[in-house]
């Protein structure tokens, strides 16, 4: 499988994961593979109600906490999906969100370089 196909397959799997475990998906998902790193960028992931809640610091903090807990509670499932697609074990997985821009980034480190 070529790199672009693998990146597209991961983006598709993350889209499904976001719907099933987070409750909705982003407007755009882009995946980039660099050696043993997978970088996934989701844009437009906030719901209408979350956008309305994010009008002050308290709302922004609440949304960030909820997104973090949801992600942490479902990491094993996402790691299993990534292993199935890549054939590599997931060493670490990180995620952060920017409520102001509606962007989320997931960084995944693998046990080995992807040979693609």
N, C-alpha and C. Protein backbone atom coordinates (compact mmCIF):
# COMPACT_ATOMS: atom_id res chain seq x y z
N UNK A 1 0.85 -1.18 0.00
CA UNK A 1 0.00 0.00 0.00
C UNK A 1 0.90 1.24 0.00
N UNK A 2 0.57 2.20 -0.84
CA UNK A 2 1.38 3.41 -0.88
C UNK A 2 0.99 4.36 0.26
N UNK A 3 1.89 5.29 0.55
CA UNK A 3 1.73 6.18 1.69
C UNK A 3 0.39 6.92 1.67
N UNK A 4 0.02 7.48 0.54
CA UNK A 4 -1.23 8.25 0.45
C UNK A 4 -2.45 7.38 0.74
N UNK A 5 -2.41 6.13 0.30
CA UNK A 5 -3.51 5.21 0.56
C UNK A 5 -3.61 4.88 2.05
N UNK A 6 -2.45 4.67 2.68
CA UNK A 6 -2.42 4.37 4.10
C UNK A 6 -2.92 5.57 4.91
N UNK A 7 -2.49 6.77 4.54
CA UNK A 7 -2.96 7.98 5.21
C UNK A 7 -4.47 8.14 5.06
N UNK A 8 -4.99 7.89 3.88
CA UNK A 8 -6.43 7.98 3.64
C UNK A 8 -7.20 6.94 4.46
N UNK A 9 -6.65 5.75 4.55
CA UNK A 9 -7.29 4.69 5.33
C UNK A 9 -7.33 5.06 6.82
N UNK A 10 -6.26 5.65 7.32
CA UNK A 10 -6.23 6.08 8.73
C UNK A 10 -7.23 7.20 8.94
N UNK A 11 -7.30 8.16 8.03
CA UNK A 11 -8.27 9.26 8.15
C UNK A 11 -9.69 8.72 8.18
N UNK A 12 -9.98 7.75 7.33
CA UNK A 12 -11.31 7.14 7.29
C UNK A 12 -11.62 6.43 8.61
N UNK A 13 -10.64 5.72 9.16
CA UNK A 13 -10.83 5.02 10.42
C UNK A 13 -11.03 6.01 11.58
N UNK A 14 -10.29 7.11 11.57
CA UNK A 14 -10.44 8.13 12.61
C UNK A 14 -11.81 8.78 12.50
N UNK A 15 -12.28 8.99 11.29
CA UNK A 15 -13.63 9.53 11.09
C UNK A 15 -14.66 8.63 11.75
N UNK A 16 -14.58 7.33 11.50
CA UNK A 16 -15.49 6.36 12.11
C UNK A 16 -15.34 6.34 13.63
N UNK A 17 -14.10 6.36 14.10
CA UNK A 17 -13.83 6.39 15.54
C UNK A 17 -14.47 7.62 16.19
N UNK A 18 -14.29 8.79 15.58
CA UNK A 18 -14.85 10.03 16.13
C UNK A 18 -16.37 9.95 16.24
N UNK A 19 -17.01 9.39 15.24
CA UNK A 19 -18.47 9.27 15.27
C UNK A 19 -18.90 8.31 16.37
N UNK A 20 -18.25 7.14 16.45
CA UNK A 20 -18.66 6.12 17.41
C UNK A 20 -18.31 6.43 18.85
N UNK A 21 -17.15 7.03 19.10
CA UNK A 21 -16.68 7.19 20.47
C UNK A 21 -16.72 8.63 20.98
N UNK A 22 -16.68 9.59 20.10
CA UNK A 22 -16.70 10.99 20.52
C UNK A 22 -18.08 11.60 20.29
N UNK A 23 -18.83 11.06 19.34
CA UNK A 23 -20.20 11.51 19.14
C UNK A 23 -20.43 12.27 17.85
N UNK A 24 -19.39 12.76 17.23
CA UNK A 24 -19.51 13.43 15.93
C UNK A 24 -18.11 13.50 15.33
N UNK A 25 -18.05 13.83 14.07
CA UNK A 25 -16.76 13.89 13.42
C UNK A 25 -16.44 15.31 12.97
N UNK A 26 -15.26 15.49 12.48
CA UNK A 26 -14.81 16.80 12.00
C UNK A 26 -15.24 17.01 10.55
N UNK A 27 -15.19 18.26 10.13
CA UNK A 27 -15.50 18.58 8.73
C UNK A 27 -14.39 18.09 7.81
N UNK A 28 -13.16 18.10 8.32
CA UNK A 28 -12.02 17.66 7.52
C UNK A 28 -11.02 16.93 8.40
N UNK A 29 -10.50 15.81 7.89
CA UNK A 29 -9.48 15.03 8.59
C UNK A 29 -8.34 14.79 7.63
N UNK A 30 -7.14 15.12 8.07
CA UNK A 30 -5.93 14.94 7.25
C UNK A 30 -4.92 14.16 8.07
N UNK A 31 -4.36 13.12 7.49
CA UNK A 31 -3.36 12.30 8.15
C UNK A 31 -2.04 12.39 7.40
N UNK A 32 -0.94 12.50 8.15
CA UNK A 32 0.40 12.52 7.58
C UNK A 32 1.24 11.51 8.34
N UNK A 33 1.96 10.69 7.60
CA UNK A 33 2.86 9.70 8.20
C UNK A 33 4.29 10.14 7.94
N UNK A 34 5.08 10.19 9.02
CA UNK A 34 6.51 10.51 8.93
C UNK A 34 7.25 9.47 9.76
N UNK A 35 7.90 8.54 9.08
CA UNK A 35 8.68 7.48 9.73
C UNK A 35 7.81 6.69 10.71
N UNK A 36 8.00 6.88 12.02
CA UNK A 36 7.22 6.15 13.03
C UNK A 36 6.17 7.04 13.70
N UNK A 37 5.84 8.16 13.07
CA UNK A 37 4.85 9.10 13.60
C UNK A 37 3.65 9.19 12.68
N UNK A 38 2.48 9.26 13.28
CA UNK A 38 1.26 9.53 12.54
C UNK A 38 0.68 10.81 13.14
N UNK A 39 0.46 11.79 12.29
CA UNK A 39 -0.11 13.06 12.72
C UNK A 39 -1.48 13.18 12.06
N UNK A 40 -2.50 13.36 12.88
CA UNK A 40 -3.87 13.46 12.37
C UNK A 40 -4.42 14.83 12.79
N UNK A 41 -4.88 15.58 11.80
CA UNK A 41 -5.40 16.93 12.05
C UNK A 41 -6.88 16.95 11.69
N UNK A 42 -7.70 17.30 12.67
CA UNK A 42 -9.14 17.39 12.46
C UNK A 42 -9.55 18.85 12.56
N UNK A 43 -10.25 19.32 11.56
CA UNK A 43 -10.72 20.71 11.56
C UNK A 43 -12.24 20.74 11.56
N UNK A 44 -12.78 21.69 12.32
CA UNK A 44 -14.22 21.82 12.40
C UNK A 44 -14.87 20.70 13.19
N UNK A 45 -14.33 20.38 14.35
CA UNK A 45 -14.83 19.25 15.13
C UNK A 45 -15.83 19.64 16.21
N UNK A 46 -16.04 20.94 16.43
CA UNK A 46 -16.96 21.38 17.49
C UNK A 46 -18.40 21.38 17.00
N UNK A 47 -19.29 20.91 17.87
CA UNK A 47 -20.72 20.97 17.55
C UNK A 47 -21.22 22.40 17.74
N UNK A 48 -22.41 22.65 17.27
CA UNK A 48 -23.01 23.98 17.40
C UNK A 48 -23.12 24.37 18.88
N UNK A 49 -23.54 23.43 19.72
CA UNK A 49 -23.69 23.73 21.16
C UNK A 49 -22.34 23.98 21.82
N UNK A 50 -21.29 23.27 21.39
CA UNK A 50 -19.95 23.51 21.94
C UNK A 50 -19.44 24.88 21.53
N UNK A 51 -19.71 25.27 20.30
CA UNK A 51 -19.31 26.61 19.84
C UNK A 51 -19.98 27.69 20.68
N UNK A 52 -21.23 27.49 21.02
CA UNK A 52 -21.95 28.46 21.85
C UNK A 52 -21.45 28.45 23.29
N UNK A 53 -21.00 27.32 23.77
CA UNK A 53 -20.46 27.22 25.13
C UNK A 53 -19.08 27.86 25.23
N UNK A 54 -18.37 27.94 24.12
CA UNK A 54 -16.98 28.42 24.10
C UNK A 54 -16.86 29.93 24.04
N UNK A 55 -17.83 30.65 24.57
CA UNK A 55 -17.79 32.12 24.52
C UNK A 55 -16.98 32.73 25.65
N UNK A 56 -16.60 31.91 26.65
CA UNK A 56 -15.78 32.42 27.74
C UNK A 56 -14.78 31.35 28.18
N UNK A 57 -13.85 31.74 29.04
CA UNK A 57 -12.79 30.82 29.48
C UNK A 57 -13.34 29.60 30.19
N UNK A 58 -14.38 29.77 30.99
CA UNK A 58 -14.97 28.64 31.71
C UNK A 58 -15.53 27.61 30.73
N UNK A 59 -16.23 28.07 29.71
CA UNK A 59 -16.77 27.17 28.70
C UNK A 59 -15.67 26.47 27.91
N UNK A 60 -14.64 27.22 27.55
CA UNK A 60 -13.51 26.64 26.82
C UNK A 60 -12.84 25.56 27.64
N UNK A 61 -12.59 25.83 28.93
CA UNK A 61 -11.97 24.83 29.80
C UNK A 61 -12.83 23.58 29.93
N UNK A 62 -14.13 23.76 30.05
CA UNK A 62 -15.05 22.63 30.18
C UNK A 62 -15.01 21.75 28.92
N UNK A 63 -15.06 22.36 27.76
CA UNK A 63 -15.02 21.60 26.51
C UNK A 63 -13.70 20.84 26.38
N UNK A 64 -12.59 21.51 26.68
CA UNK A 64 -11.27 20.86 26.59
C UNK A 64 -11.21 19.65 27.53
N UNK A 65 -11.72 19.79 28.75
CA UNK A 65 -11.70 18.68 29.70
C UNK A 65 -12.54 17.51 29.21
N UNK A 66 -13.72 17.81 28.70
CA UNK A 66 -14.59 16.75 28.20
C UNK A 66 -13.94 16.03 27.03
N UNK A 67 -13.38 16.77 26.09
CA UNK A 67 -12.73 16.17 24.91
C UNK A 67 -11.55 15.30 25.34
N UNK A 68 -10.78 15.77 26.32
CA UNK A 68 -9.63 15.02 26.81
C UNK A 68 -10.06 13.70 27.45
N UNK A 69 -11.07 13.75 28.30
CA UNK A 69 -11.55 12.54 28.98
C UNK A 69 -12.12 11.55 27.97
N UNK A 70 -12.91 12.03 27.01
CA UNK A 70 -13.44 11.15 25.97
C UNK A 70 -12.32 10.47 25.20
N UNK A 71 -11.30 11.23 24.84
CA UNK A 71 -10.18 10.67 24.10
C UNK A 71 -9.41 9.65 24.94
N UNK A 72 -9.11 10.00 26.18
CA UNK A 72 -8.35 9.08 27.04
C UNK A 72 -9.11 7.78 27.29
N UNK A 73 -10.42 7.87 27.43
CA UNK A 73 -11.22 6.68 27.69
C UNK A 73 -11.35 5.76 26.48
N UNK A 74 -11.03 6.26 25.30
CA UNK A 74 -11.19 5.45 24.09
C UNK A 74 -9.86 5.19 23.37
N UNK A 75 -8.75 5.52 24.01
CA UNK A 75 -7.43 5.35 23.37
C UNK A 75 -7.11 3.91 22.99
N UNK A 76 -7.50 2.96 23.83
CA UNK A 76 -7.18 1.56 23.52
C UNK A 76 -7.84 1.12 22.23
N UNK A 77 -9.07 1.55 22.03
CA UNK A 77 -9.79 1.21 20.81
C UNK A 77 -9.10 1.82 19.59
N UNK A 78 -8.74 3.09 19.67
CA UNK A 78 -8.06 3.75 18.56
C UNK A 78 -6.70 3.10 18.30
N UNK A 79 -5.97 2.75 19.35
CA UNK A 79 -4.68 2.08 19.18
C UNK A 79 -4.85 0.74 18.46
N UNK A 80 -5.91 0.01 18.77
CA UNK A 80 -6.16 -1.27 18.10
C UNK A 80 -6.45 -1.05 16.61
N UNK A 81 -7.18 0.00 16.30
CA UNK A 81 -7.48 0.32 14.89
C UNK A 81 -6.19 0.65 14.14
N UNK A 82 -5.35 1.48 14.76
CA UNK A 82 -4.09 1.88 14.12
C UNK A 82 -3.19 0.66 13.92
N UNK A 83 -3.13 -0.23 14.90
CA UNK A 83 -2.31 -1.44 14.76
C UNK A 83 -2.83 -2.31 13.63
N UNK A 84 -4.15 -2.43 13.52
CA UNK A 84 -4.73 -3.24 12.45
C UNK A 84 -4.38 -2.68 11.08
N UNK A 85 -4.39 -1.37 10.95
CA UNK A 85 -4.11 -0.73 9.66
C UNK A 85 -2.62 -0.77 9.33
N UNK A 86 -1.77 -0.47 10.31
CA UNK A 86 -0.33 -0.32 10.05
C UNK A 86 0.48 -1.58 10.30
N UNK A 87 -0.01 -2.46 11.16
CA UNK A 87 0.75 -3.63 11.56
C UNK A 87 1.78 -3.34 12.64
N UNK A 88 1.76 -2.12 13.17
CA UNK A 88 2.72 -1.69 14.20
C UNK A 88 2.00 -1.46 15.53
N UNK A 89 2.71 -1.72 16.62
CA UNK A 89 2.17 -1.39 17.94
C UNK A 89 2.21 0.12 18.14
N UNK A 90 1.23 0.63 18.86
CA UNK A 90 1.20 2.04 19.22
C UNK A 90 1.96 2.20 20.53
N UNK A 91 2.98 3.05 20.53
CA UNK A 91 3.77 3.30 21.74
C UNK A 91 3.11 4.37 22.60
N UNK A 92 2.77 5.50 21.99
CA UNK A 92 2.11 6.60 22.70
C UNK A 92 1.10 7.26 21.78
N UNK A 93 0.14 7.93 22.42
CA UNK A 93 -0.87 8.66 21.68
C UNK A 93 -1.16 9.94 22.46
N UNK A 94 -1.13 11.05 21.75
CA UNK A 94 -1.36 12.36 22.35
C UNK A 94 -2.45 13.08 21.57
N UNK A 95 -3.18 13.93 22.25
CA UNK A 95 -4.20 14.72 21.57
C UNK A 95 -4.33 16.07 22.25
N UNK A 96 -4.59 17.09 21.45
CA UNK A 96 -4.86 18.42 21.99
C UNK A 96 -5.87 19.09 21.08
N UNK A 97 -6.62 20.01 21.65
CA UNK A 97 -7.63 20.73 20.89
C UNK A 97 -7.43 22.23 21.06
N UNK A 98 -7.79 22.97 20.03
CA UNK A 98 -7.83 24.42 20.10
C UNK A 98 -9.29 24.81 19.87
N UNK A 99 -9.94 25.23 20.92
CA UNK A 99 -11.35 25.54 20.86
C UNK A 99 -11.60 26.77 19.99
N UNK A 100 -10.70 27.73 20.03
CA UNK A 100 -10.88 28.96 19.26
C UNK A 100 -10.90 28.70 17.75
N UNK A 101 -10.07 27.78 17.28
CA UNK A 101 -10.01 27.49 15.84
C UNK A 101 -10.81 26.25 15.45
N UNK A 102 -11.27 25.49 16.43
CA UNK A 102 -12.00 24.27 16.14
C UNK A 102 -11.13 23.19 15.53
N UNK A 103 -9.88 23.12 16.01
CA UNK A 103 -8.92 22.16 15.47
C UNK A 103 -8.47 21.20 16.56
N UNK A 104 -8.30 19.95 16.16
CA UNK A 104 -7.80 18.91 17.06
C UNK A 104 -6.65 18.22 16.36
N UNK A 105 -5.61 17.90 17.13
CA UNK A 105 -4.46 17.18 16.59
C UNK A 105 -4.23 15.92 17.42
N UNK A 106 -4.03 14.82 16.74
CA UNK A 106 -3.68 13.56 17.39
C UNK A 106 -2.31 13.16 16.88
N UNK A 107 -1.39 12.86 17.79
CA UNK A 107 -0.05 12.41 17.43
C UNK A 107 0.12 10.99 17.96
N UNK A 108 0.51 10.10 17.08
CA UNK A 108 0.67 8.70 17.45
C UNK A 108 2.10 8.27 17.13
N UNK A 109 2.78 7.67 18.12
CA UNK A 109 4.10 7.12 17.88
C UNK A 109 3.98 5.60 17.79
N UNK A 110 4.65 5.05 16.80
CA UNK A 110 4.59 3.62 16.54
C UNK A 110 5.86 2.91 16.99
N UNK A 111 5.81 1.60 17.07
CA UNK A 111 6.94 0.80 17.52
C UNK A 111 8.06 0.72 16.48
N UNK A 112 7.75 1.06 15.24
CA UNK A 112 8.75 0.99 14.18
C UNK A 112 8.39 1.94 13.05
N UNK A 113 9.34 2.20 12.20
CA UNK A 113 9.09 3.01 11.02
C UNK A 113 8.16 2.26 10.08
N UNK A 114 7.28 2.99 9.44
CA UNK A 114 6.41 2.36 8.44
C UNK A 114 7.18 2.28 7.12
N UNK A 115 7.25 1.11 6.58
CA UNK A 115 7.92 0.89 5.30
C UNK A 115 6.90 1.05 4.19
N UNK A 116 6.84 2.25 3.65
CA UNK A 116 5.87 2.51 2.58
C UNK A 116 6.52 3.23 1.42
